[in-house]
Protein backbone atom coordinates (compact mmCIF):
# COMPACT_ATOMS: atom_id res chain seq x y z
CA UNK A 1 1.55 0.00 24.31
CA UNK A 2 3.00 -1.74 27.32
CA UNK A 3 6.69 -1.05 27.73
CA UNK A 4 6.67 1.75 25.17
CA UNK A 5 6.47 5.52 25.41
CA UNK A 6 5.71 8.11 22.77
CA UNK A 7 8.24 10.84 22.12
CA UNK A 8 8.38 13.95 19.99
CA UNK A 9 11.21 14.34 17.52
CA UNK A 10 11.96 17.64 15.80
CA UNK A 11 13.67 17.52 12.40
CA UNK A 12 14.26 20.27 9.91
CA UNK A 13 12.47 20.06 6.56
CA UNK A 14 15.52 18.81 4.67
CA UNK A 15 16.22 15.93 7.06
CA UNK A 16 12.56 14.94 7.13
CA UNK A 17 12.49 14.95 3.32
CA UNK A 18 15.47 12.58 3.33
CA UNK A 19 13.67 10.23 5.73
CA UNK A 20 10.55 10.34 3.55
CA UNK A 21 12.61 9.67 0.42
CA UNK A 22 14.23 6.60 1.96
CA UNK A 23 10.81 5.35 3.03
CA UNK A 24 9.35 5.93 -0.43
CA UNK A 25 12.27 4.05 -2.00
CA UNK A 26 11.56 1.05 0.21
CA UNK A 27 14.60 1.23 2.46
CA UNK A 28 12.25 1.69 5.43
CA UNK A 29 8.56 0.93 5.77
CA UNK A 30 7.81 4.24 7.52
CA UNK A 31 9.29 7.21 9.34
CA UNK A 32 8.94 5.26 12.57
CA UNK A 33 10.83 2.32 11.09
CA UNK A 34 13.67 4.67 10.14
CA UNK A 35 13.83 6.18 13.64
CA UNK A 36 13.74 2.75 15.33
CA UNK A 37 16.63 1.61 13.13
CA UNK A 38 18.59 4.82 13.72
CA UNK A 39 18.48 4.51 17.49
């Protein structure tokens, strides 16, 4: 992973459920995709 670093992100259960829901509905391909788009 040249040029990339791993980070830890803490979310509460409600926010994580929202991210999962958006991923399940096809708005994002994964949690990581959501986070990359958000930042």
